[in-house]
Amino acid sequence: MHFLYILYSQKLNRYYTGETPDPDIRLNLHNKHHFKNAFTNAADDWSIKLKFQTDSKENAVFLEIFIKRMKSKKFIEKVINDPSILNQVLEKRA
């Protein structure tokens, strides 16, 4: 079991997309600046806006890259409001 997750920082008004087997632990690591050169070091108020469970790490990574390639805050907000979009993306991949 693996997850795609989307974090939001109100301080930065920015989103961050990642993948992990445990989004709650990963959120804690981001807020404590565990990842020294990461984009998330710019804030300490990250909150989880979406946890999307996938059946494999491969699918979670695929979705992460797909979202990052879109380079669109509007698309991220659309996914947060309707996570079924991610199922459609995975179905088209198959």
PDB file of N, CA and C in Angstrom:
ATOM      1  N   MET A   1       0.846  -1.179   0.000  1.00  0.00           N
ATOM      2  CA  MET A   1       0.000   0.000   0.000  1.00  0.00           C
ATOM      3  C   MET A   1       0.891   1.241   0.000  1.00  0.00           C
ATOM      4  N   HIS A   2       0.540   2.178  -0.855  1.00  0.00           N
ATOM      5  CA  HIS A   2       1.314   3.401  -0.999  1.00  0.00           C
ATOM      6  C   HIS A   2       0.346   4.557  -1.227  1.00  0.00           C
ATOM      7  N   PHE A   3       0.802   5.762  -0.964  1.00  0.00           N
ATOM      8  CA  PHE A   3      -0.060   6.924  -1.085  1.00  0.00           C
ATOM      9  C   PHE A   3       0.595   8.025  -1.910  1.00  0.00           C
ATOM     10  N   LEU A   4      -0.229   8.701  -2.685  1.00  0.00           N
ATOM     11  CA  LEU A   4       0.106  10.003  -3.236  1.00  0.00           C
ATOM     12  C   LEU A   4      -0.450  10.976  -2.208  1.00  0.00           C
ATOM     13  N   TYR A   5       0.316  12.017  -1.881  1.00  0.00           N
ATOM     14  CA  TYR A   5      -0.205  13.003  -0.942  1.00  0.00           C
ATOM     15  C   TYR A   5       0.037  14.401  -1.482  1.00  0.00           C
ATOM     16  N   ILE A   6      -0.858  15.313  -1.092  1.00  0.00           N
ATOM     17  CA  ILE A   6      -0.708  16.719  -1.448  1.00  0.00           C
ATOM     18  C   ILE A   6      -0.751  17.519  -0.157  1.00  0.00           C
ATOM     19  N   LEU A   7       0.301  18.316   0.050  1.00  0.00           N
ATOM     20  CA  LEU A   7       0.395  19.186   1.214  1.00  0.00           C
ATOM     21  C   LEU A   7       0.117  20.619   0.793  1.00  0.00           C
ATOM     22  N   TYR A   8      -0.301  21.429   1.763  1.00  0.00           N
ATOM     23  CA  TYR A   8      -0.527  22.849   1.506  1.00  0.00           C
ATOM     24  C   TYR A   8       0.065  23.661   2.643  1.00  0.00           C
ATOM     25  N   SER A   9       0.737  24.757   2.291  1.00  0.00           N
ATOM     26  CA  SER A   9       1.252  25.713   3.261  1.00  0.00           C
ATOM     27  C   SER A   9       0.500  27.022   3.088  1.00  0.00           C
ATOM     28  N   GLN A  10      -0.202  27.411   4.129  1.00  0.00           N
ATOM     29  CA  GLN A  10      -0.916  28.690   4.082  1.00  0.00           C
ATOM     30  C   GLN A  10       0.081  29.850   4.048  1.00  0.00           C
ATOM     31  N   LYS A  11       1.181  29.686   4.767  1.00  0.00           N
ATOM     32  CA  LYS A  11       2.219  30.726   4.810  1.00  0.00           C
ATOM     33  C   LYS A  11       2.752  31.043   3.408  1.00  0.00           C
ATOM     34  N   LEU A  12       2.984  30.004   2.618  1.00  0.00           N
ATOM     35  CA  LEU A  12       3.511  30.169   1.257  1.00  0.00           C
ATOM     36  C   LEU A  12       2.418  30.247   0.198  1.00  0.00           C
ATOM     37  N   ASN A  13       1.215  29.798   0.566  1.00  0.00           N
ATOM     38  CA  ASN A  13       0.115  29.656  -0.391  1.00  0.00           C
ATOM     39  C   ASN A  13       0.560  28.775  -1.565  1.00  0.00           C
ATOM     40  N   ARG A  14       1.193  27.653  -1.207  1.00  0.00           N
ATOM     41  CA  ARG A  14       1.732  26.716  -2.211  1.00  0.00           C
ATOM     42  C   ARG A  14       1.374  25.285  -1.831  1.00  0.00           C
ATOM     43  N   TYR A  15       1.362  24.424  -2.861  1.00  0.00           N
ATOM     44  CA  TYR A  15       1.115  22.999  -2.672  1.00  0.00           C
ATOM     45  C   TYR A  15       2.413  22.237  -2.893  1.00  0.00           C
ATOM     46  N   TYR A  16       2.475  21.057  -2.292  1.00  0.00           N
ATOM     47  CA  TYR A  16       3.591  20.141  -2.520  1.00  0.00           C
ATOM     48  C   TYR A  16       2.999  18.748  -2.719  1.00  0.00           C
ATOM     49  N   THR A  17       3.482  18.048  -3.713  1.00  0.00           N
ATOM     50  CA  THR A  17       2.997  16.707  -4.031  1.00  0.00           C
ATOM     51  C   THR A  17       4.116  15.703  -3.810  1.00  0.00           C
ATOM     52  N   GLY A  18       3.778  14.563  -3.187  1.00  0.00           N
ATOM     53  CA  GLY A  18       4.766  13.527  -2.949  1.00  0.00           C
ATOM     54  C   GLY A  18       4.122  12.157  -2.853  1.00  0.00           C
ATOM     55  N   GLU A  19       4.940  11.155  -2.573  1.00  0.00           N
ATOM     56  CA  GLU A  19       4.449   9.786  -2.395  1.00  0.00           C
ATOM     57  C   GLU A  19       5.157   9.158  -1.215  1.00  0.00           C
ATOM     58  N   THR A  20       4.452   8.264  -0.526  1.00  0.00           N
ATOM     59  CA  THR A  20       4.995   7.647   0.671  1.00  0.00           C
ATOM     60  C   THR A  20       4.103   6.489   1.120  1.00  0.00           C
ATOM     61  N   PRO A  21       4.644   5.559   1.906  1.00  0.00           N
ATOM     62  CA  PRO A  21       3.772   4.535   2.491  1.00  0.00           C
ATOM     63  C   PRO A  21       2.979   5.066   3.701  1.00  0.00           C
ATOM     64  N   ASP A  22       3.415   6.197   4.300  1.00  0.00           N
ATOM     65  CA  ASP A  22       2.721   6.746   5.469  1.00  0.00           C
ATOM     66  C   ASP A  22       2.692   8.271   5.419  1.00  0.00           C
ATOM     67  N   PRO A  23       1.605   8.862   4.912  1.00  0.00           N
ATOM     68  CA  PRO A  23       1.536  10.320   4.757  1.00  0.00           C
ATOM     69  C   PRO A  23       1.637  11.093   6.073  1.00  0.00           C
ATOM     70  N   ASP A  24       1.126  10.549   7.160  1.00  0.00           N
ATOM     71  CA  ASP A  24       1.158  11.268   8.436  1.00  0.00           C
ATOM     72  C   ASP A  24       2.591  11.412   8.960  1.00  0.00           C
ATOM     73  N   ILE A  25       3.355  10.348   8.862  1.00  0.00           N
ATOM     74  CA  ILE A  25       4.765  10.416   9.267  1.00  0.00           C
ATOM     75  C   ILE A  25       5.521  11.368   8.352  1.00  0.00           C
ATOM     76  N   ARG A  26       5.241  11.289   7.047  1.00  0.00           N
ATOM     77  CA  ARG A  26       5.933  12.155   6.089  1.00  0.00           C
ATOM     78  C   ARG A  26       5.616  13.631   6.352  1.00  0.00           C
ATOM     79  N   LEU A  27       4.369  13.930   6.692  1.00  0.00           N
ATOM     80  CA  LEU A  27       3.988  15.311   7.018  1.00  0.00           C
ATOM     81  C   LEU A  27       4.823  15.819   8.187  1.00  0.00           C
ATOM     82  N   ASN A  28       4.947  15.013   9.208  1.00  0.00           N
ATOM     83  CA  ASN A  28       5.745  15.380  10.377  1.00  0.00           C
ATOM     84  C   ASN A  28       7.200  15.656   9.974  1.00  0.00           C
ATOM     85  N   LEU A  29       7.757  14.829   9.126  1.00  0.00           N
ATOM     86  CA  LEU A  29       9.137  15.019   8.668  1.00  0.00           C
ATOM     87  C   LEU A  29       9.286  16.325   7.883  1.00  0.00           C
ATOM     88  N   HIS A  30       8.309  16.638   7.029  1.00  0.00           N
ATOM     89  CA  HIS A  30       8.367  17.894   6.272  1.00  0.00           C
ATOM     90  C   HIS A  30       8.316  19.096   7.215  1.00  0.00           C
ATOM     91  N   ASN A  31       7.420  19.062   8.178  1.00  0.00           N
ATOM     92  CA  ASN A  31       7.269  20.205   9.085  1.00  0.00           C
ATOM     93  C   ASN A  31       8.458  20.367  10.035  1.00  0.00           C
ATOM     94  N   LYS A  32       9.210  19.297  10.253  1.00  0.00           N
ATOM     95  CA  LYS A  32      10.411  19.377  11.096  1.00  0.00           C
ATOM     96  C   LYS A  32      11.673  19.593  10.269  1.00  0.00           C
ATOM     97  N   HIS A  33      11.519  19.829   8.975  1.00  0.00           N
ATOM     98  CA  HIS A  33      12.638  20.105   8.057  1.00  0.00           C
ATOM     99  C   HIS A  33      13.657  18.964   8.026  1.00  0.00           C
ATOM    100  N   HIS A  34      13.151  17.747   8.036  1.00  0.00           N
ATOM    101  CA  HIS A  34      14.004  16.563   7.966  1.00  0.00           C
ATOM    102  C   HIS A  34      14.739  16.481   6.625  1.00  0.00           C
ATOM    103  N   PHE A  35      14.078  16.908   5.557  1.00  0.00           N
ATOM    104  CA  PHE A  35      14.664  16.845   4.217  1.00  0.00           C
ATOM    105  C   PHE A  35      15.376  18.173   3.953  1.00  0.00           C
ATOM    106  N   LYS A  36      16.667  18.196   4.138  1.00  0.00           N
ATOM    107  CA  LYS A  36      17.451  19.431   4.204  1.00  0.00           C
ATOM    108  C   LYS A  36      17.368  20.324   2.969  1.00  0.00           C
ATOM    109  N   ASN A  37      17.382  19.770   1.788  1.00  0.00           N
ATOM    110  CA  ASN A  37      17.366  20.587   0.574  1.00  0.00           C
ATOM    111  C   ASN A  37      16.004  20.600  -0.106  1.00  0.00           C
ATOM    112  N   ALA A  38      14.963  20.240   0.625  1.00  0.00           N
ATOM    113  CA  ALA A  38      13.636  20.111   0.028  1.00  0.00           C
ATOM    114  C   ALA A  38      12.922  21.458  -0.085  1.00  0.00           C
ATOM    115  N   PHE A  39      12.033  21.539  -1.035  1.00  0.00           N
ATOM    116  CA  PHE A  39      11.187  22.715  -1.215  1.00  0.00           C
ATOM    117  C   PHE A  39      10.383  23.011   0.046  1.00  0.00           C
ATOM    118  N   THR A  40       9.996  21.973   0.767  1.00  0.00           N
ATOM    119  CA  THR A  40       9.138  22.136   1.944  1.00  0.00           C
ATOM    120  C   THR A  40       9.850  22.804   3.116  1.00  0.00           C
ATOM    121  N   ASN A  41      11.152  22.989   3.041  1.00  0.00           N
ATOM    122  CA  ASN A  41      11.878  23.686   4.110  1.00  0.00           C
ATOM    123  C   ASN A  41      11.496  25.158   4.208  1.00  0.00           C
ATOM    124  N   ALA A  42      10.843  25.695   3.207  1.00  0.00           N
ATOM    125  CA  ALA A  42      10.474  27.110   3.187  1.00  0.00           C
ATOM    126  C   ALA A  42       9.343  27.440   4.164  1.00  0.00           C
ATOM    127  N   ALA A  43       8.694  26.403   4.723  1.00  0.00           N
ATOM    128  CA  ALA A  43       7.587  26.642   5.661  1.00  0.00           C
ATOM    129  C   ALA A  43       7.536  25.513   6.683  1.00  0.00           C
ATOM    130  N   ASP A  44       6.799  25.765   7.761  1.00  0.00           N
ATOM    131  CA  ASP A  44       6.629  24.733   8.784  1.00  0.00           C
ATOM    132  C   ASP A  44       5.159  24.548   9.153  1.00  0.00           C
ATOM    133  N   ASP A  45       4.280  24.978   8.242  1.00  0.00           N
ATOM    134  CA  ASP A  45       2.842  24.872   8.505  1.00  0.00           C
ATOM    135  C   ASP A  45       2.128  23.989   7.480  1.00  0.00           C
ATOM    136  N   TRP A  46       2.839  22.989   6.957  1.00  0.00           N
ATOM    137  CA  TRP A  46       2.253  22.110   5.953  1.00  0.00           C
ATOM    138  C   TRP A  46       1.114  21.301   6.562  1.00  0.00           C
ATOM    139  N   SER A  47       0.047  21.139   5.791  1.00  0.00           N
ATOM    140  CA  SER A  47      -1.065  20.291   6.204  1.00  0.00           C
ATOM    141  C   SER A  47      -1.455  19.404   5.025  1.00  0.00           C
ATOM    142  N   ILE A  48      -1.990  18.241   5.330  1.00  0.00           N
ATOM    143  CA  ILE A  48      -2.376  17.297   4.281  1.00  0.00           C
ATOM    144  C   ILE A  48      -3.736  17.701   3.720  1.00  0.00           C
ATOM    145  N   LYS A  49      -3.766  17.896   2.411  1.00  0.00           N
ATOM    146  CA  LYS A  49      -5.017  18.215   1.716  1.00  0.00           C
ATOM    147  C   LYS A  49      -5.581  16.996   1.007  1.00  0.00           C
ATOM    148  N   LEU A  50      -4.707  16.021   0.686  1.00  0.00           N
ATOM    149  CA  LEU A  50      -5.170  14.811   0.008  1.00  0.00           C
ATOM    150  C   LEU A  50      -4.248  13.649   0.335  1.00  0.00           C
ATOM    151  N   LYS A  51      -4.855  12.510   0.653  1.00  0.00           N
ATOM    152  CA  LYS A  51      -4.157  11.227   0.752  1.00  0.00           C
ATOM    153  C   LYS A  51      -4.884  10.309  -0.219  1.00  0.00           C
ATOM    154  N   PHE A  52      -4.193   9.833  -1.229  1.00  0.00           N
ATOM    155  CA  PHE A  52      -4.799   8.974  -2.238  1.00  0.00           C
ATOM    156  C   PHE A  52      -4.060   7.640  -2.242  1.00  0.00           C
ATOM    157  N   GLN A  53      -4.746   6.601  -1.819  1.00  0.00           N
ATOM    158  CA  GLN A  53      -4.131   5.281  -1.710  1.00  0.00           C
ATOM    159  C   GLN A  53      -4.036   4.614  -3.076  1.00  0.00           C
ATOM    160  N   THR A  54      -2.861   4.047  -3.350  1.00  0.00           N
ATOM    161  CA  THR A  54      -2.643   3.278  -4.575  1.00  0.00           C
ATOM    162  C   THR A  54      -2.230   1.863  -4.196  1.00  0.00           C
ATOM    163  N   ASP A  55      -2.294   0.974  -5.165  1.00  0.00           N
ATOM    164  CA  ASP A  55      -1.933  -0.415  -4.883  1.00  0.00           C
ATOM    165  C   ASP A  55      -0.439  -0.684  -4.997  1.00  0.00           C
ATOM    166  N   SER A  56       0.319   0.316  -5.462  1.00  0.00           N
ATOM    167  CA  SER A  56       1.762   0.112  -5.598  1.00  0.00           C
ATOM    168  C   SER A  56       2.496   1.446  -5.531  1.00  0.00           C
ATOM    169  N   LYS A  57       3.770   1.371  -5.194  1.00  0.00           N
ATOM    170  CA  LYS A  57       4.615   2.561  -5.210  1.00  0.00           C
ATOM    171  C   LYS A  57       4.721   3.103  -6.635  1.00  0.00           C
ATOM    172  N   GLU A  58       4.779   2.197  -7.588  1.00  0.00           N
ATOM    173  CA  GLU A  58       4.894   2.594  -9.000  1.00  0.00           C
ATOM    174  C   GLU A  58       3.735   3.518  -9.400  1.00  0.00           C
ATOM    175  N   ASN A  59       2.508   3.182  -9.002  1.00  0.00           N
ATOM    176  CA  ASN A  59       1.356   4.021  -9.340  1.00  0.00           C
ATOM    177  C   ASN A  59       1.395   5.360  -8.604  1.00  0.00           C
ATOM    178  N   ALA A  60       1.823   5.356  -7.358  1.00  0.00           N
ATOM    179  CA  ALA A  60       1.925   6.598  -6.591  1.00  0.00           C
ATOM    180  C   ALA A  60       2.958   7.529  -7.226  1.00  0.00           C
ATOM    181  N   VAL A  61       4.097   6.984  -7.623  1.00  0.00           N
ATOM    182  CA  VAL A  61       5.143   7.782  -8.271  1.00  0.00           C
ATOM    183  C   VAL A  61       4.643   8.303  -9.619  1.00  0.00           C
ATOM    184  N   PHE A  62       3.944   7.457 -10.361  1.00  0.00           N
ATOM    185  CA  PHE A  62       3.387   7.883 -11.643  1.00  0.00           C
ATOM    186  C   PHE A  62       2.461   9.087 -11.463  1.00  0.00           C
ATOM    187  N   LEU A  63       1.562   9.012 -10.475  1.00  0.00           N
ATOM    188  CA  LEU A  63       0.632  10.115 -10.222  1.00  0.00           C
ATOM    189  C   LEU A  63       1.361  11.370  -9.759  1.00  0.00           C
ATOM    190  N   GLU A  64       2.363  11.187  -8.910  1.00  0.00           N
ATOM    191  CA  GLU A  64       3.152  12.334  -8.444  1.00  0.00           C
ATOM    192  C   GLU A  64       3.783  13.061  -9.631  1.00  0.00           C
ATOM    193  N   ILE A  65       4.420  12.321 -10.510  1.00  0.00           N
ATOM    194  CA  ILE A  65       5.073  12.912 -11.679  1.00  0.00           C
ATOM    195  C   ILE A  65       4.036  13.545 -12.604  1.00  0.00           C
ATOM    196  N   PHE A  66       2.905  12.880 -12.771  1.00  0.00           N
ATOM    197  CA  PHE A  66       1.838  13.408 -13.621  1.00  0.00           C
ATOM    198  C   PHE A  66       1.375  14.779 -13.119  1.00  0.00           C
ATOM    199  N   ILE A  67       1.126  14.875 -11.827  1.00  0.00           N
ATOM    200  CA  ILE A  67       0.660  16.144 -11.245  1.00  0.00           C
ATOM    201  C   ILE A  67       1.742  17.216 -11.349  1.00  0.00           C
ATOM    202  N   LYS A  68       2.982  16.857 -11.046  1.00  0.00           N
ATOM    203  CA  LYS A  68       4.061  17.843 -11.116  1.00  0.00           C
ATOM    204  C   LYS A  68       4.280  18.341 -12.540  1.00  0.00           C
ATOM    205  N   ARG A  69       4.095  17.473 -13.527  1.00  0.00           N
ATOM    206  CA  ARG A  69       4.244  17.876 -14.924  1.00  0.00           C
ATOM    207  C   ARG A  69       3.165  18.860 -15.358  1.00  0.00           C
ATOM    208  N   MET A  70       2.009  18.789 -14.720  1.00  0.00           N
ATOM    209  CA  MET A  70       0.914  19.705 -15.054  1.00  0.00           C
ATOM    210  C   MET A  70       1.273  21.150 -14.676  1.00  0.00           C
ATOM    211  N   LYS A  71       2.099  21.320 -13.645  1.00  0.00           N
ATOM    212  CA  LYS A  71       2.534  22.652 -13.190  1.00  0.00           C
ATOM    213  C   LYS A  71       1.351  23.601 -13.051  1.00  0.00           C
ATOM    214  N   SER A  72       0.294  23.124 -12.384  1.00  0.00           N
ATOM    215  CA  SER A  72      -0.929  23.903 -12.306  1.00  0.00           C
ATOM    216  C   SER A  72      -1.551  23.815 -10.916  1.00  0.00           C
ATOM    217  N   LYS A  73      -1.618  24.949 -10.263  1.00  0.00           N
ATOM    218  CA  LYS A  73      -2.281  25.031  -8.960  1.00  0.00           C
ATOM    219  C   LYS A  73      -3.767  24.708  -9.114  1.00  0.00           C
ATOM    220  N   LYS A  74      -4.364  25.169 -10.212  1.00  0.00           N
ATOM    221  CA  LYS A  74      -5.782  24.897 -10.454  1.00  0.00           C
ATOM    222  C   LYS A  74      -6.037  23.404 -10.613  1.00  0.00           C
ATOM    223  N   PHE A  75      -5.129  22.704 -11.299  1.00  0.00           N
ATOM    224  CA  PHE A  75      -5.295  21.266 -11.464  1.00  0.00           C
ATOM    225  C   PHE A  75      -5.182  20.564 -10.107  1.00  0.00           C
ATOM    226  N   ILE A  76      -4.232  20.967  -9.292  1.00  0.00           N
ATOM    227  CA  ILE A  76      -4.076  20.366  -7.963  1.00  0.00           C
ATOM    228  C   ILE A  76      -5.347  20.575  -7.146  1.00  0.00           C
ATOM    229  N   GLU A  77      -5.902  21.763  -7.180  1.00  0.00           N
ATOM    230  CA  GLU A  77      -7.133  22.032  -6.432  1.00  0.00           C
ATOM    231  C   GLU A  77      -8.308  21.225  -6.978  1.00  0.00           C
ATOM    232  N   LYS A  78      -8.325  21.015  -8.282  1.00  0.00           N
ATOM    233  CA  LYS A  78      -9.364  20.182  -8.900  1.00  0.00           C
ATOM    234  C   LYS A  78      -9.247  18.737  -8.405  1.00  0.00           C
ATOM    235  N   VAL A  79      -8.027  18.228  -8.327  1.00  0.00           N
ATOM    236  CA  VAL A  79      -7.786  16.864  -7.838  1.00  0.00           C
ATOM    237  C   VAL A  79      -8.178  16.740  -6.364  1.00  0.00           C
ATOM    238  N   ILE A  80      -7.858  17.750  -5.574  1.00  0.00           N
ATOM    239  CA  ILE A  80      -8.223  17.730  -4.152  1.00  0.00           C
ATOM    240  C   ILE A  80      -9.739  17.658  -4.006  1.00  0.00           C
ATOM    241  N   ASN A  81     -10.449  18.412  -4.826  1.00  0.00           N
ATOM    242  CA  ASN A  81     -11.916  18.430  -4.756  1.00  0.00           C
ATOM    243  C   ASN A  81     -12.569  17.203  -5.375  1.00  0.00           C
ATOM    244  N   ASP A  82     -11.860  16.539  -6.289  1.00  0.00           N
ATOM    245  CA  ASP A  82     -12.406  15.353  -6.954  1.00  0.00           C
ATOM    246  C   ASP A  82     -11.289  14.332  -7.203  1.00  0.00           C
ATOM    247  N   PRO A  83     -10.914  13.578  -6.152  1.00  0.00           N
ATOM    248  CA  PRO A  83      -9.819  12.610  -6.297  1.00  0.00           C
ATOM    249  C   PRO A  83     -10.074  11.499  -7.325  1.00  0.00           C
ATOM    250  N   SER A  84     -11.319  11.328  -7.762  1.00  0.00           N
ATOM    251  CA  SER A  84     -11.597  10.297  -8.766  1.00  0.00           C
ATOM    252  C   SER A  84     -10.853  10.583 -10.070  1.00  0.00           C
ATOM    253  N   ILE A  85     -10.422  11.819 -10.263  1.00  0.00           N
ATOM    254  CA  ILE A  85      -9.605  12.165 -11.432  1.00  0.00           C
ATOM    255  C   ILE A  85      -8.361  11.284 -11.475  1.00  0.00           C
ATOM    256  N   LEU A  86      -7.805  10.997 -10.310  1.00  0.00           N
ATOM    257  CA  LEU A  86      -6.585  10.174 -10.252  1.00  0.00           C
ATOM    258  C   LEU A  86      -6.862   8.743 -10.687  1.00  0.00           C
ATOM    259  N   ASN A  87      -8.045   8.221 -10.350  1.00  0.00           N
ATOM    260  CA  ASN A  87      -8.419   6.887 -10.837  1.00  0.00           C
ATOM    261  C   ASN A  87      -8.496   6.875 -12.353  1.00  0.00           C
ATOM    262  N   GLN A  88      -9.037   7.950 -12.932  1.00  0.00           N
ATOM    263  CA  GLN A  88      -9.144   8.047 -14.381  1.00  0.00           C
ATOM    264  C   GLN A  88      -7.755   8.089 -15.026  1.00  0.00           C
ATOM    265  N   VAL A  89      -6.842   8.811 -14.407  1.00  0.00           N
ATOM    266  CA  VAL A  89      -5.466   8.892 -14.924  1.00  0.00           C
ATOM    267  C   VAL A  89      -4.836   7.501 -14.925  1.00  0.00           C
ATOM    268  N   LEU A  90      -5.018   6.767 -13.826  1.00  0.00           N
ATOM    269  CA  LEU A  90      -4.441   5.416 -13.735  1.00  0.00           C
ATOM    270  C   LEU A  90      -5.096   4.458 -14.736  1.00  0.00           C
ATOM    271  N   GLU A  91      -6.402   4.596 -14.966  1.00  0.00           N
ATOM    272  CA  GLU A  91      -7.096   3.733 -15.930  1.00  0.00           C
ATOM    273  C   GLU A  91      -6.581   3.968 -17.341  1.00  0.00           C
ATOM    274  N   LYS A  92      -6.326   5.218 -17.690  1.00  0.00           N
ATOM    275  CA  LYS A  92      -5.807   5.533 -19.024  1.00  0.00           C
ATOM    276  C   LYS A  92      -4.387   5.018 -19.202  1.00  0.00           C
ATOM    277  N   ARG A  93      -3.684   4.893 -18.105  1.00  0.00           N
ATOM    278  CA  ARG A  93      -2.293   4.412 -18.158  1.00  0.00           C
ATOM    279  C   ARG A  93      -2.252   2.937 -18.511  1.00  0.00           C
ATOM    280  N   ALA A  94      -3.216   2.189 -18.043  1.00  0.00           N
ATOM    281  CA  ALA A  94      -3.219   0.719 -18.203  1.00  0.00           C
ATOM    282  C   ALA A  94      -3.355   0.256 -19.620  1.00  0.00           C
TER     283      ALA A  94
END
